N, C-alpha and C. Protein backbone atom coordinates (compact mmCIF):
# COMPACT_ATOMS: atom_id res chain seq x y z
N MET A 1 -0.39 156.94 20.16
CA MET A 1 -1.16 157.67 21.17
C MET A 1 -0.24 158.01 22.33
N GLN A 2 -0.15 159.27 22.70
CA GLN A 2 0.69 159.70 23.79
C GLN A 2 -0.15 159.88 25.04
N PHE A 3 0.23 159.23 26.14
CA PHE A 3 -0.52 159.31 27.37
C PHE A 3 0.21 160.15 28.42
N THR A 4 1.24 160.89 28.04
CA THR A 4 2.07 161.58 29.02
C THR A 4 1.30 162.66 29.76
N THR A 5 0.22 163.21 29.18
CA THR A 5 -0.51 164.29 29.84
C THR A 5 -1.59 163.77 30.78
N LEU A 6 -1.75 162.46 30.87
CA LEU A 6 -2.83 161.90 31.67
C LEU A 6 -2.32 161.45 33.03
N THR A 7 -3.20 161.51 34.01
CA THR A 7 -2.82 161.09 35.35
C THR A 7 -2.76 159.57 35.42
N LEU A 8 -2.05 159.06 36.42
CA LEU A 8 -1.92 157.62 36.60
C LEU A 8 -3.28 156.97 36.80
N SER A 9 -4.16 157.63 37.56
CA SER A 9 -5.47 157.04 37.82
C SER A 9 -6.31 156.99 36.56
N ALA A 10 -6.14 157.97 35.67
CA ALA A 10 -6.87 157.93 34.40
C ALA A 10 -6.42 156.74 33.58
N LEU A 11 -5.12 156.49 33.59
CA LEU A 11 -4.61 155.32 32.87
C LEU A 11 -5.13 154.03 33.50
N SER A 12 -5.21 154.00 34.82
CA SER A 12 -5.75 152.83 35.49
C SER A 12 -7.20 152.61 35.13
N ALA A 13 -7.96 153.71 35.02
CA ALA A 13 -9.36 153.62 34.63
C ALA A 13 -9.49 153.03 33.25
N ALA A 14 -8.68 153.52 32.33
CA ALA A 14 -8.72 152.99 30.96
C ALA A 14 -8.31 151.53 30.95
N GLY A 15 -7.33 151.19 31.77
CA GLY A 15 -6.88 149.81 31.82
C GLY A 15 -7.95 148.87 32.34
N ALA A 16 -8.71 149.33 33.34
CA ALA A 16 -9.79 148.51 33.89
C ALA A 16 -10.87 148.27 32.85
N LEU A 17 -11.23 149.32 32.12
CA LEU A 17 -12.24 149.18 31.09
C LEU A 17 -11.75 148.28 29.97
N ALA A 18 -10.51 148.47 29.55
CA ALA A 18 -9.96 147.66 28.47
C ALA A 18 -9.89 146.19 28.86
N ALA A 19 -9.51 145.92 30.11
CA ALA A 19 -9.41 144.53 30.56
C ALA A 19 -10.77 143.85 30.57
N SER A 20 -11.82 144.60 30.88
CA SER A 20 -13.15 144.01 30.97
C SER A 20 -13.81 143.86 29.61
N THR A 21 -13.51 144.74 28.67
CA THR A 21 -14.17 144.71 27.37
C THR A 21 -13.28 144.13 26.28
N GLY A 22 -11.98 143.99 26.55
CA GLY A 22 -11.06 143.51 25.53
C GLY A 22 -10.78 144.52 24.45
N GLN A 23 -11.06 145.79 24.71
CA GLN A 23 -10.87 146.84 23.73
C GLN A 23 -9.96 147.93 24.29
N LEU A 24 -9.22 148.57 23.40
CA LEU A 24 -8.35 149.67 23.81
C LEU A 24 -9.20 150.90 24.09
N VAL A 25 -8.91 151.57 25.20
CA VAL A 25 -9.63 152.78 25.58
C VAL A 25 -8.65 153.94 25.64
N HIS A 26 -8.90 154.97 24.85
CA HIS A 26 -8.11 156.20 24.87
C HIS A 26 -8.79 157.17 25.83
N VAL A 27 -8.05 157.73 26.78
CA VAL A 27 -8.61 158.65 27.76
C VAL A 27 -8.27 160.09 27.38
N VAL A 28 -9.29 160.93 27.37
CA VAL A 28 -9.11 162.36 27.09
C VAL A 28 -9.65 163.15 28.27
N LYS A 29 -8.84 164.03 28.81
CA LYS A 29 -9.27 164.88 29.92
C LYS A 29 -9.87 166.17 29.35
N VAL A 30 -11.07 166.49 29.78
CA VAL A 30 -11.78 167.67 29.29
C VAL A 30 -11.64 168.78 30.33
N GLY A 31 -10.83 169.80 30.01
CA GLY A 31 -10.52 170.84 30.98
C GLY A 31 -9.55 170.31 32.03
N ASN A 32 -9.22 171.16 33.00
CA ASN A 32 -8.39 170.71 34.12
C ASN A 32 -8.69 171.54 35.35
N ALA A 33 -8.07 171.17 36.46
CA ALA A 33 -8.36 171.83 37.74
C ALA A 33 -7.96 173.29 37.75
N ASN A 34 -7.08 173.68 36.85
CA ASN A 34 -6.64 175.08 36.77
C ASN A 34 -7.56 175.94 35.91
N GLY A 35 -8.58 175.32 35.33
CA GLY A 35 -9.52 176.07 34.50
C GLY A 35 -9.10 176.26 33.06
N SER A 36 -8.06 175.58 32.63
CA SER A 36 -7.60 175.70 31.24
C SER A 36 -8.64 175.13 30.29
N LEU A 37 -8.84 175.80 29.16
CA LEU A 37 -9.81 175.38 28.15
C LEU A 37 -9.12 174.46 27.15
N VAL A 38 -8.97 173.21 27.54
CA VAL A 38 -8.22 172.26 26.72
C VAL A 38 -8.86 170.89 26.74
N PHE A 39 -8.62 170.14 25.67
CA PHE A 39 -8.76 168.70 25.66
C PHE A 39 -7.34 168.14 25.71
N ALA A 40 -7.09 167.19 26.57
CA ALA A 40 -5.73 166.65 26.69
C ALA A 40 -5.79 165.12 26.63
N PRO A 41 -5.23 164.55 25.55
CA PRO A 41 -4.62 165.21 24.39
C PRO A 41 -5.69 165.78 23.46
N ASN A 42 -5.27 166.69 22.58
CA ASN A 42 -6.24 167.28 21.65
C ASN A 42 -6.16 166.66 20.25
N GLN A 43 -5.28 165.70 20.07
CA GLN A 43 -5.23 164.92 18.83
C GLN A 43 -4.91 163.47 19.20
N LEU A 44 -5.62 162.55 18.60
CA LEU A 44 -5.31 161.14 18.82
C LEU A 44 -5.78 160.32 17.63
N THR A 45 -5.21 159.13 17.54
CA THR A 45 -5.59 158.17 16.50
C THR A 45 -6.24 156.98 17.18
N ALA A 46 -7.43 156.62 16.74
CA ALA A 46 -8.16 155.49 17.32
C ALA A 46 -8.67 154.60 16.21
N ASN A 47 -8.45 153.31 16.33
CA ASN A 47 -8.88 152.35 15.33
C ASN A 47 -10.34 151.95 15.53
N VAL A 48 -10.91 151.38 14.49
CA VAL A 48 -12.28 150.88 14.58
C VAL A 48 -12.39 149.85 15.70
N GLY A 49 -13.41 149.99 16.54
CA GLY A 49 -13.61 149.08 17.66
C GLY A 49 -13.00 149.56 18.97
N GLU A 50 -12.13 150.57 18.90
CA GLU A 50 -11.56 151.13 20.12
C GLU A 50 -12.50 152.18 20.70
N MET A 51 -12.27 152.52 21.97
CA MET A 51 -13.11 153.49 22.65
C MET A 51 -12.32 154.74 23.00
N VAL A 52 -13.03 155.84 23.12
CA VAL A 52 -12.47 157.09 23.64
C VAL A 52 -13.34 157.51 24.82
N GLN A 53 -12.72 157.62 25.99
CA GLN A 53 -13.45 158.06 27.17
C GLN A 53 -13.03 159.48 27.55
N PHE A 54 -14.00 160.37 27.61
CA PHE A 54 -13.78 161.75 28.02
C PHE A 54 -14.08 161.87 29.50
N GLN A 55 -13.14 162.41 30.27
CA GLN A 55 -13.28 162.57 31.71
C GLN A 55 -13.25 164.06 32.02
N PHE A 56 -14.32 164.55 32.66
CA PHE A 56 -14.55 165.99 32.80
C PHE A 56 -13.99 166.54 34.10
N ALA A 57 -13.17 167.58 33.97
CA ALA A 57 -12.59 168.29 35.10
C ALA A 57 -13.54 169.41 35.54
N PRO A 58 -13.27 170.05 36.70
CA PRO A 58 -14.14 171.13 37.17
C PRO A 58 -14.36 172.22 36.13
N ASN A 59 -15.54 172.79 36.17
CA ASN A 59 -16.10 173.81 35.30
C ASN A 59 -17.35 173.20 34.69
N ASN A 60 -17.69 173.56 33.47
CA ASN A 60 -18.89 173.03 32.82
C ASN A 60 -18.61 172.95 31.32
N HIS A 61 -18.28 171.77 30.85
CA HIS A 61 -17.85 171.58 29.46
C HIS A 61 -18.75 170.59 28.73
N THR A 62 -18.56 170.52 27.43
CA THR A 62 -19.23 169.51 26.61
C THR A 62 -18.22 168.88 25.67
N VAL A 63 -18.62 167.76 25.09
CA VAL A 63 -17.95 167.19 23.93
C VAL A 63 -18.99 167.22 22.82
N THR A 64 -18.73 168.01 21.79
CA THR A 64 -19.70 168.23 20.72
C THR A 64 -19.02 168.05 19.38
N GLN A 65 -19.66 167.34 18.46
CA GLN A 65 -19.07 167.08 17.15
C GLN A 65 -19.47 168.15 16.14
N SER A 66 -18.50 168.58 15.35
CA SER A 66 -18.75 169.52 14.25
C SER A 66 -18.11 168.97 12.98
N THR A 67 -18.17 169.74 11.93
CA THR A 67 -17.38 169.46 10.74
C THR A 67 -16.18 170.38 10.75
N PHE A 68 -15.19 170.06 9.92
CA PHE A 68 -14.04 170.96 9.82
C PHE A 68 -14.47 172.29 9.22
N ALA A 69 -15.39 172.26 8.29
CA ALA A 69 -15.81 173.46 7.56
C ALA A 69 -16.60 174.44 8.43
N ALA A 70 -17.21 173.95 9.49
CA ALA A 70 -18.04 174.81 10.34
C ALA A 70 -17.67 174.60 11.81
N PRO A 71 -16.53 175.12 12.24
CA PRO A 71 -16.11 174.94 13.63
C PRO A 71 -17.08 175.57 14.61
N CYS A 72 -17.19 174.97 15.77
CA CYS A 72 -18.04 175.46 16.86
C CYS A 72 -19.53 175.35 16.58
N GLU A 73 -19.90 174.64 15.52
CA GLU A 73 -21.30 174.41 15.19
C GLU A 73 -21.56 172.91 15.11
N PRO A 74 -22.66 172.43 15.69
CA PRO A 74 -22.94 170.99 15.65
C PRO A 74 -23.03 170.47 14.23
N MET A 75 -22.46 169.30 13.99
CA MET A 75 -22.54 168.67 12.69
C MET A 75 -23.99 168.34 12.37
N PRO A 76 -24.44 168.59 11.14
CA PRO A 76 -25.82 168.25 10.78
C PRO A 76 -26.09 166.76 10.93
N ALA A 77 -27.34 166.42 11.18
CA ALA A 77 -27.73 165.02 11.32
C ALA A 77 -27.50 164.27 10.01
N VAL A 78 -27.10 163.01 10.11
CA VAL A 78 -26.89 162.15 8.96
C VAL A 78 -27.83 160.96 9.08
N ASN A 79 -28.73 160.83 8.11
CA ASN A 79 -29.72 159.73 8.12
C ASN A 79 -30.48 159.69 9.44
N GLY A 80 -30.82 160.87 9.94
CA GLY A 80 -31.61 160.96 11.15
C GLY A 80 -30.83 160.86 12.44
N THR A 81 -29.52 160.69 12.34
CA THR A 81 -28.68 160.58 13.53
C THR A 81 -27.88 161.86 13.72
N GLY A 82 -27.98 162.45 14.89
CA GLY A 82 -27.30 163.69 15.17
C GLY A 82 -25.83 163.50 15.51
N PRO A 83 -25.13 164.60 15.79
CA PRO A 83 -23.70 164.53 16.10
C PRO A 83 -23.44 164.00 17.50
N ILE A 84 -22.20 163.65 17.74
CA ILE A 84 -21.76 163.30 19.09
C ILE A 84 -22.02 164.50 20.01
N PHE A 85 -22.67 164.24 21.13
CA PHE A 85 -22.91 165.33 22.09
C PHE A 85 -23.06 164.73 23.48
N SER A 86 -22.21 165.16 24.39
CA SER A 86 -22.20 164.64 25.76
C SER A 86 -23.23 165.30 26.66
N GLY A 87 -23.74 166.46 26.23
CA GLY A 87 -24.49 167.30 27.14
C GLY A 87 -23.52 168.11 28.00
N PHE A 88 -24.04 169.08 28.72
CA PHE A 88 -23.20 169.89 29.59
C PHE A 88 -22.88 169.12 30.87
N MET A 89 -21.62 169.20 31.27
CA MET A 89 -21.14 168.42 32.42
C MET A 89 -20.61 169.36 33.51
N PRO A 90 -21.48 169.91 34.35
CA PRO A 90 -21.02 170.79 35.42
C PRO A 90 -20.29 170.00 36.50
N VAL A 91 -19.09 170.44 36.84
CA VAL A 91 -18.27 169.74 37.84
C VAL A 91 -17.70 170.76 38.81
N SER A 92 -17.81 170.49 40.09
CA SER A 92 -17.22 171.32 41.13
C SER A 92 -15.92 170.69 41.62
N ALA A 93 -15.03 171.53 42.10
CA ALA A 93 -13.75 171.03 42.63
C ALA A 93 -13.96 170.13 43.84
N THR A 94 -15.11 170.24 44.49
CA THR A 94 -15.37 169.43 45.67
C THR A 94 -16.17 168.16 45.36
N ASP A 95 -16.53 167.96 44.10
CA ASP A 95 -17.30 166.77 43.74
C ASP A 95 -16.50 165.50 44.01
N THR A 96 -17.19 164.45 44.40
CA THR A 96 -16.54 163.16 44.65
C THR A 96 -16.72 162.20 43.49
N THR A 97 -17.38 162.63 42.43
CA THR A 97 -17.53 161.81 41.24
C THR A 97 -17.09 162.61 40.01
N VAL A 98 -16.65 161.90 39.00
CA VAL A 98 -16.18 162.51 37.76
C VAL A 98 -17.10 162.07 36.62
N PRO A 99 -17.77 163.00 35.94
CA PRO A 99 -18.59 162.62 34.80
C PRO A 99 -17.71 162.08 33.67
N THR A 100 -18.18 161.06 32.99
CA THR A 100 -17.47 160.52 31.83
C THR A 100 -18.44 160.38 30.66
N TYR A 101 -17.87 160.36 29.48
CA TYR A 101 -18.65 160.17 28.25
C TYR A 101 -17.77 159.33 27.34
N THR A 102 -18.25 158.14 26.99
CA THR A 102 -17.43 157.18 26.26
C THR A 102 -18.06 156.84 24.92
N VAL A 103 -17.28 156.94 23.85
CA VAL A 103 -17.76 156.62 22.51
C VAL A 103 -16.93 155.48 21.94
N MET A 104 -17.54 154.73 21.05
CA MET A 104 -16.83 153.67 20.35
C MET A 104 -16.61 154.10 18.90
N ILE A 105 -15.39 153.93 18.42
CA ILE A 105 -15.04 154.35 17.07
C ILE A 105 -15.50 153.30 16.06
N ASN A 106 -16.20 153.75 15.03
CA ASN A 106 -16.75 152.85 14.03
C ASN A 106 -16.19 153.12 12.64
N ALA A 107 -15.35 154.16 12.50
CA ALA A 107 -14.73 154.49 11.22
C ALA A 107 -13.49 155.32 11.51
N THR A 108 -12.59 155.39 10.56
CA THR A 108 -11.34 156.13 10.77
C THR A 108 -11.38 157.52 10.12
N THR A 109 -12.55 157.97 9.73
CA THR A 109 -12.68 159.32 9.20
C THR A 109 -12.49 160.32 10.35
N PRO A 110 -11.99 161.53 10.06
CA PRO A 110 -11.74 162.51 11.12
C PRO A 110 -13.02 162.86 11.90
N ILE A 111 -12.88 162.99 13.19
CA ILE A 111 -13.97 163.43 14.06
C ILE A 111 -13.52 164.73 14.74
N TRP A 112 -14.18 165.82 14.40
CA TRP A 112 -13.85 167.13 14.95
C TRP A 112 -14.76 167.41 16.14
N LEU A 113 -14.16 167.75 17.28
CA LEU A 113 -14.90 167.92 18.52
C LEU A 113 -14.56 169.26 19.17
N TYR A 114 -15.53 169.82 19.85
CA TYR A 114 -15.30 171.11 20.53
C TYR A 114 -16.16 171.18 21.78
N CYS A 115 -15.87 172.16 22.63
CA CYS A 115 -16.71 172.44 23.78
C CYS A 115 -17.67 173.56 23.40
N SER A 116 -18.97 173.32 23.58
CA SER A 116 -19.97 174.30 23.15
C SER A 116 -20.38 175.25 24.26
N GLN A 117 -19.65 175.24 25.36
CA GLN A 117 -19.93 176.17 26.45
C GLN A 117 -19.38 177.55 26.13
N GLY A 118 -20.24 178.58 26.15
CA GLY A 118 -19.80 179.96 25.96
C GLY A 118 -18.89 180.13 24.76
N GLU A 119 -17.73 180.74 24.98
CA GLU A 119 -16.74 180.95 23.92
C GLU A 119 -15.56 180.00 24.07
N HIS A 120 -15.76 178.87 24.70
CA HIS A 120 -14.66 177.92 24.89
C HIS A 120 -14.08 177.46 23.56
N CYS A 121 -14.94 177.18 22.58
CA CYS A 121 -14.44 176.74 21.27
C CYS A 121 -13.62 177.83 20.60
N GLN A 122 -14.13 179.06 20.64
CA GLN A 122 -13.41 180.17 20.02
C GLN A 122 -12.06 180.41 20.67
N LYS A 123 -11.93 180.00 21.92
CA LYS A 123 -10.68 180.18 22.66
C LYS A 123 -9.76 178.97 22.57
N GLY A 124 -10.11 178.03 21.68
CA GLY A 124 -9.20 176.93 21.40
C GLY A 124 -9.55 175.59 22.00
N MET A 125 -10.72 175.47 22.62
CA MET A 125 -11.07 174.19 23.25
C MET A 125 -11.72 173.28 22.20
N SER A 126 -10.86 172.58 21.48
CA SER A 126 -11.30 171.68 20.42
C SER A 126 -10.26 170.59 20.25
N MET A 127 -10.64 169.54 19.51
CA MET A 127 -9.71 168.44 19.28
C MET A 127 -10.15 167.68 18.04
N VAL A 128 -9.31 166.75 17.61
CA VAL A 128 -9.65 165.91 16.46
C VAL A 128 -9.21 164.48 16.72
N ILE A 129 -10.04 163.55 16.32
CA ILE A 129 -9.71 162.13 16.33
C ILE A 129 -9.52 161.69 14.89
N ASN A 130 -8.39 161.04 14.61
CA ASN A 130 -8.08 160.50 13.28
C ASN A 130 -7.98 161.58 12.20
N VAL A 131 -7.17 162.59 12.46
CA VAL A 131 -6.92 163.59 11.42
C VAL A 131 -6.24 162.93 10.23
N ALA A 132 -6.59 163.35 9.04
CA ALA A 132 -6.04 162.75 7.82
C ALA A 132 -4.58 163.16 7.65
N ALA A 133 -3.71 162.19 7.45
CA ALA A 133 -2.28 162.46 7.28
C ALA A 133 -2.05 163.27 6.01
N GLY A 134 -1.24 164.31 6.12
CA GLY A 134 -0.89 165.13 4.97
C GLY A 134 -1.96 166.10 4.52
N SER A 135 -3.08 166.14 5.20
CA SER A 135 -4.17 167.04 4.82
C SER A 135 -3.92 168.44 5.37
N ASN A 136 -4.46 169.44 4.67
CA ASN A 136 -4.37 170.80 5.20
C ASN A 136 -5.50 171.08 6.20
N LYS A 137 -6.35 170.09 6.42
CA LYS A 137 -7.40 170.20 7.43
C LYS A 137 -6.81 169.77 8.77
N THR A 138 -6.14 170.70 9.40
CA THR A 138 -5.42 170.44 10.64
C THR A 138 -6.17 171.05 11.83
N LEU A 139 -5.79 170.63 13.02
CA LEU A 139 -6.39 171.21 14.21
C LEU A 139 -6.06 172.69 14.32
N ALA A 140 -4.84 173.06 13.95
CA ALA A 140 -4.45 174.47 13.99
C ALA A 140 -5.33 175.30 13.07
N ALA A 141 -5.63 174.78 11.88
CA ALA A 141 -6.50 175.49 10.94
C ALA A 141 -7.92 175.59 11.48
N TYR A 142 -8.39 174.53 12.10
CA TYR A 142 -9.73 174.53 12.70
C TYR A 142 -9.82 175.59 13.79
N GLN A 143 -8.81 175.62 14.66
CA GLN A 143 -8.83 176.57 15.76
C GLN A 143 -8.70 178.01 15.28
N ALA A 144 -7.96 178.22 14.21
CA ALA A 144 -7.84 179.56 13.65
C ALA A 144 -9.18 180.04 13.11
N ALA A 145 -9.90 179.16 12.43
CA ALA A 145 -11.22 179.51 11.90
C ALA A 145 -12.23 179.72 13.02
N ALA A 146 -12.07 178.98 14.11
CA ALA A 146 -13.02 179.08 15.23
C ALA A 146 -13.00 180.45 15.88
N LYS A 147 -11.88 181.14 15.81
CA LYS A 147 -11.76 182.44 16.45
C LYS A 147 -12.75 183.46 15.92
N SER A 148 -13.19 183.29 14.68
CA SER A 148 -14.10 184.25 14.06
C SER A 148 -15.57 183.86 14.18
N VAL A 149 -15.85 182.74 14.83
CA VAL A 149 -17.24 182.30 15.00
C VAL A 149 -17.91 183.16 16.07
N THR A 150 -19.09 183.66 15.75
CA THR A 150 -19.78 184.57 16.67
C THR A 150 -20.25 183.87 17.93
N ALA A 151 -20.90 182.73 17.77
CA ALA A 151 -21.42 182.01 18.93
C ALA A 151 -21.40 180.51 18.67
N SER A 152 -21.07 179.74 19.69
CA SER A 152 -21.06 178.29 19.56
C SER A 152 -22.47 177.73 19.63
N GLY A 153 -22.68 176.62 18.94
CA GLY A 153 -23.97 175.95 18.98
C GLY A 153 -23.88 174.65 19.76
N ALA A 154 -25.03 174.20 20.27
CA ALA A 154 -25.10 172.93 20.99
C ALA A 154 -26.36 172.18 20.57
N PRO A 155 -26.25 170.88 20.32
CA PRO A 155 -27.44 170.09 19.98
C PRO A 155 -28.43 170.07 21.15
N SER A 156 -29.65 169.63 20.88
CA SER A 156 -30.67 169.56 21.92
C SER A 156 -30.77 168.18 22.56
N VAL A 157 -30.11 167.19 21.96
CA VAL A 157 -30.23 165.81 22.44
C VAL A 157 -28.84 165.20 22.62
N ILE A 158 -28.63 164.53 23.73
CA ILE A 158 -27.39 163.81 23.99
C ILE A 158 -27.36 162.57 23.10
N GLU A 159 -26.27 162.39 22.35
CA GLU A 159 -26.16 161.25 21.44
C GLU A 159 -24.72 160.77 21.34
N GLY A 160 -24.56 159.54 20.85
CA GLY A 160 -23.27 159.07 20.39
C GLY A 160 -22.39 158.32 21.35
N GLY A 161 -22.77 158.23 22.63
CA GLY A 161 -21.88 157.57 23.57
C GLY A 161 -22.57 157.18 24.85
N ALA A 162 -21.79 156.73 25.81
CA ALA A 162 -22.30 156.30 27.12
C ALA A 162 -21.87 157.30 28.17
N ILE A 163 -22.84 157.81 28.92
CA ILE A 163 -22.57 158.75 30.00
C ILE A 163 -22.43 157.97 31.30
N GLY A 164 -21.43 158.30 32.08
CA GLY A 164 -21.24 157.64 33.36
C GLY A 164 -20.65 158.59 34.38
N THR A 165 -20.51 158.13 35.61
CA THR A 165 -19.82 158.88 36.65
C THR A 165 -18.86 157.95 37.37
N ASN A 166 -17.64 158.40 37.58
CA ASN A 166 -16.61 157.62 38.25
C ASN A 166 -16.34 158.20 39.63
N SER A 167 -16.23 157.38 40.61
CA SER A 167 -15.90 157.85 41.95
C SER A 167 -14.44 158.23 42.02
N THR A 168 -14.13 159.42 42.54
CA THR A 168 -12.74 159.84 42.68
C THR A 168 -12.01 159.03 43.74
N SER A 169 -12.77 158.35 44.60
CA SER A 169 -12.14 157.52 45.64
C SER A 169 -11.99 156.08 45.21
N GLY A 170 -12.55 155.76 44.01
CA GLY A 170 -12.44 154.41 43.51
C GLY A 170 -13.44 153.45 44.13
N SER A 171 -14.48 153.97 44.82
CA SER A 171 -15.47 153.09 45.44
C SER A 171 -16.36 152.47 44.39
N SER A 172 -16.95 151.33 44.75
CA SER A 172 -17.75 150.59 43.79
C SER A 172 -19.19 151.04 43.80
N GLY A 173 -19.94 150.62 42.76
CA GLY A 173 -21.35 150.95 42.67
C GLY A 173 -21.98 150.11 41.60
N THR A 174 -23.15 150.51 41.14
CA THR A 174 -23.84 149.78 40.10
C THR A 174 -24.03 150.66 38.89
N GLY A 175 -24.27 150.05 37.73
CA GLY A 175 -24.45 150.81 36.51
C GLY A 175 -25.66 150.31 35.74
N THR A 176 -26.20 151.17 34.88
CA THR A 176 -27.33 150.81 34.04
C THR A 176 -27.12 151.34 32.64
N SER A 177 -27.87 150.79 31.69
CA SER A 177 -27.83 151.32 30.34
C SER A 177 -29.23 151.71 29.94
N GLY A 178 -29.34 152.68 29.00
CA GLY A 178 -30.66 153.13 28.60
C GLY A 178 -30.60 153.91 27.31
N THR A 179 -31.53 154.83 27.13
CA THR A 179 -31.59 155.60 25.89
C THR A 179 -31.16 157.03 26.13
N GLY A 180 -31.02 157.79 25.05
CA GLY A 180 -30.60 159.18 25.14
C GLY A 180 -31.64 160.03 25.84
N SER A 181 -31.21 161.23 26.30
CA SER A 181 -32.12 162.12 27.00
C SER A 181 -31.84 163.55 26.60
N SER A 182 -32.73 164.45 26.99
CA SER A 182 -32.57 165.86 26.67
C SER A 182 -31.30 166.40 27.29
N ALA A 183 -30.67 167.35 26.59
CA ALA A 183 -29.41 167.89 27.07
C ALA A 183 -29.59 169.12 27.94
N SER A 184 -30.82 169.55 28.18
CA SER A 184 -31.03 170.73 29.00
C SER A 184 -30.81 170.38 30.46
N GLY A 185 -29.93 171.13 31.12
CA GLY A 185 -29.64 170.85 32.52
C GLY A 185 -28.44 169.94 32.67
N SER A 186 -28.30 169.35 33.88
CA SER A 186 -27.16 168.50 34.18
C SER A 186 -27.23 167.19 33.44
N ALA A 187 -26.06 166.73 32.97
CA ALA A 187 -26.01 165.44 32.28
C ALA A 187 -25.25 164.41 33.08
N THR A 188 -24.98 164.68 34.35
CA THR A 188 -24.13 163.79 35.12
C THR A 188 -24.87 162.59 35.67
N GLY A 189 -26.10 162.74 36.06
CA GLY A 189 -26.85 161.61 36.61
C GLY A 189 -26.37 161.25 38.00
N SER A 190 -26.71 160.06 38.45
CA SER A 190 -26.34 159.63 39.79
C SER A 190 -24.95 159.03 39.82
N ALA A 191 -24.39 158.96 41.01
CA ALA A 191 -23.03 158.44 41.15
C ALA A 191 -22.96 157.01 40.68
N ALA A 192 -21.85 156.70 40.00
CA ALA A 192 -21.56 155.35 39.54
C ALA A 192 -22.60 154.83 38.57
N SER A 193 -23.24 155.73 37.80
CA SER A 193 -24.24 155.29 36.83
C SER A 193 -23.72 155.48 35.42
N SER A 194 -24.35 154.80 34.48
CA SER A 194 -23.97 154.95 33.08
C SER A 194 -25.20 154.82 32.22
N THR A 195 -25.32 155.70 31.22
CA THR A 195 -26.46 155.68 30.33
C THR A 195 -25.99 155.59 28.90
N THR A 196 -26.51 154.65 28.15
CA THR A 196 -26.17 154.51 26.75
C THR A 196 -27.05 155.42 25.91
N THR A 197 -26.45 156.18 25.01
CA THR A 197 -27.21 157.08 24.16
C THR A 197 -27.17 156.60 22.73
N LYS A 198 -27.88 157.28 21.86
CA LYS A 198 -27.97 156.85 20.47
C LYS A 198 -26.64 157.00 19.74
N GLY A 199 -26.49 156.26 18.65
CA GLY A 199 -25.25 156.27 17.88
C GLY A 199 -25.07 157.55 17.10
N SER A 200 -23.84 157.78 16.60
CA SER A 200 -23.54 158.96 15.81
C SER A 200 -22.51 158.61 14.76
N ALA A 201 -22.24 159.56 13.85
CA ALA A 201 -21.30 159.31 12.76
C ALA A 201 -19.95 158.89 13.30
N ALA A 202 -19.39 157.83 12.72
CA ALA A 202 -18.08 157.27 13.07
C ALA A 202 -18.05 156.67 14.47
N VAL A 203 -19.20 156.52 15.10
CA VAL A 203 -19.26 155.96 16.44
C VAL A 203 -20.33 154.88 16.50
N ARG A 204 -20.01 153.77 17.16
CA ARG A 204 -20.99 152.70 17.34
C ARG A 204 -21.23 152.52 18.82
N THR A 205 -22.51 152.46 19.24
CA THR A 205 -22.84 152.13 20.62
C THR A 205 -23.85 151.00 20.60
N THR A 206 -23.54 149.89 21.26
CA THR A 206 -24.46 148.75 21.31
C THR A 206 -24.85 148.48 22.74
N ALA A 207 -26.08 147.99 22.95
CA ALA A 207 -26.57 147.75 24.30
C ALA A 207 -25.69 146.77 25.04
N GLU A 208 -25.24 145.72 24.35
CA GLU A 208 -24.44 144.69 25.01
C GLU A 208 -23.12 145.25 25.49
N ARG A 209 -22.43 146.00 24.62
CA ARG A 209 -21.10 146.50 25.01
C ARG A 209 -21.20 147.56 26.08
N PHE A 210 -22.20 148.45 25.98
CA PHE A 210 -22.26 149.52 26.96
C PHE A 210 -22.96 149.11 28.25
N SER A 211 -23.71 148.00 28.23
CA SER A 211 -24.16 147.44 29.51
C SER A 211 -22.95 146.96 30.29
N LEU A 212 -22.01 146.32 29.60
CA LEU A 212 -20.76 145.91 30.22
C LEU A 212 -19.97 147.13 30.64
N LEU A 213 -19.92 148.15 29.78
CA LEU A 213 -19.21 149.38 30.10
C LEU A 213 -19.77 150.01 31.36
N ALA A 214 -21.10 149.99 31.51
CA ALA A 214 -21.71 150.61 32.68
C ALA A 214 -21.21 149.97 33.96
N GLY A 215 -21.10 148.65 33.97
CA GLY A 215 -20.61 147.97 35.16
C GLY A 215 -19.17 148.31 35.45
N VAL A 216 -18.36 148.42 34.40
CA VAL A 216 -16.95 148.75 34.58
C VAL A 216 -16.80 150.16 35.09
N VAL A 217 -17.60 151.08 34.52
CA VAL A 217 -17.56 152.47 34.96
C VAL A 217 -17.86 152.55 36.45
N ALA A 218 -18.76 151.69 36.91
CA ALA A 218 -19.19 151.75 38.30
C ALA A 218 -18.15 151.22 39.27
N VAL A 219 -17.19 150.47 38.78
CA VAL A 219 -16.22 149.83 39.68
C VAL A 219 -14.81 150.29 39.36
N GLY A 220 -14.33 151.26 40.07
CA GLY A 220 -12.91 151.58 40.08
C GLY A 220 -12.41 152.47 38.98
N LEU A 221 -13.26 153.09 38.15
CA LEU A 221 -12.77 154.03 37.15
C LEU A 221 -12.61 155.37 37.84
N ALA A 222 -11.39 155.74 38.20
CA ALA A 222 -11.17 156.95 38.98
C ALA A 222 -10.25 157.91 38.27
N LEU A 223 -10.49 159.20 38.44
CA LEU A 223 -9.64 160.24 37.87
C LEU A 223 -9.28 161.22 38.97
N VAL A 224 -7.99 161.49 39.16
CA VAL A 224 -7.56 162.50 40.12
C VAL A 224 -7.45 163.82 39.38
N LEU A 225 -8.27 164.76 39.74
CA LEU A 225 -8.30 166.05 39.03
C LEU A 225 -7.19 166.95 39.54
């Protein structure tokens, strides 16, 4: 895992969460202050039991799971469980909190993710977790296919991870855990809060772990945009 594209504070945030949960946390920045349509990094390897925390930069992005075969479209539900979906995360450059969305990896099968805002996916805003070594199913191939997609899709329900907000100043607060909610409108919630949502393919979310995560998110998880 290469962390060279991440800010020092993002690494500190991951370190705080890892120290409290005893689990490795991979940090992915969603967009950036310059408006670039990127996930950084856009490829990573995460083992079972590790976490991936998405930290949202200004604009309005999502983390949405698809299949390789159908880029920019939400992955169909499996056994009644929908795809990973953070909901839309509107962020202003003047905001004092950073929305986060944290998932726990439960399998090493590839997880294809994209931003379902407008044509962001078609313009290359996608990533993969645990791409298969030696496979022709590459991120480059996914992004090439995405260019011909007419319109991106978005699920109706937030699932698969824990939603939180981190103070950019590093101030403390309280956190809570709960159930998933509708994705229509803002998904950021109140400052220093965290909400546990339903599980999704290759991701495990448990009340015990994400109740702990909520408290950690509330204390000192900061990202400098």
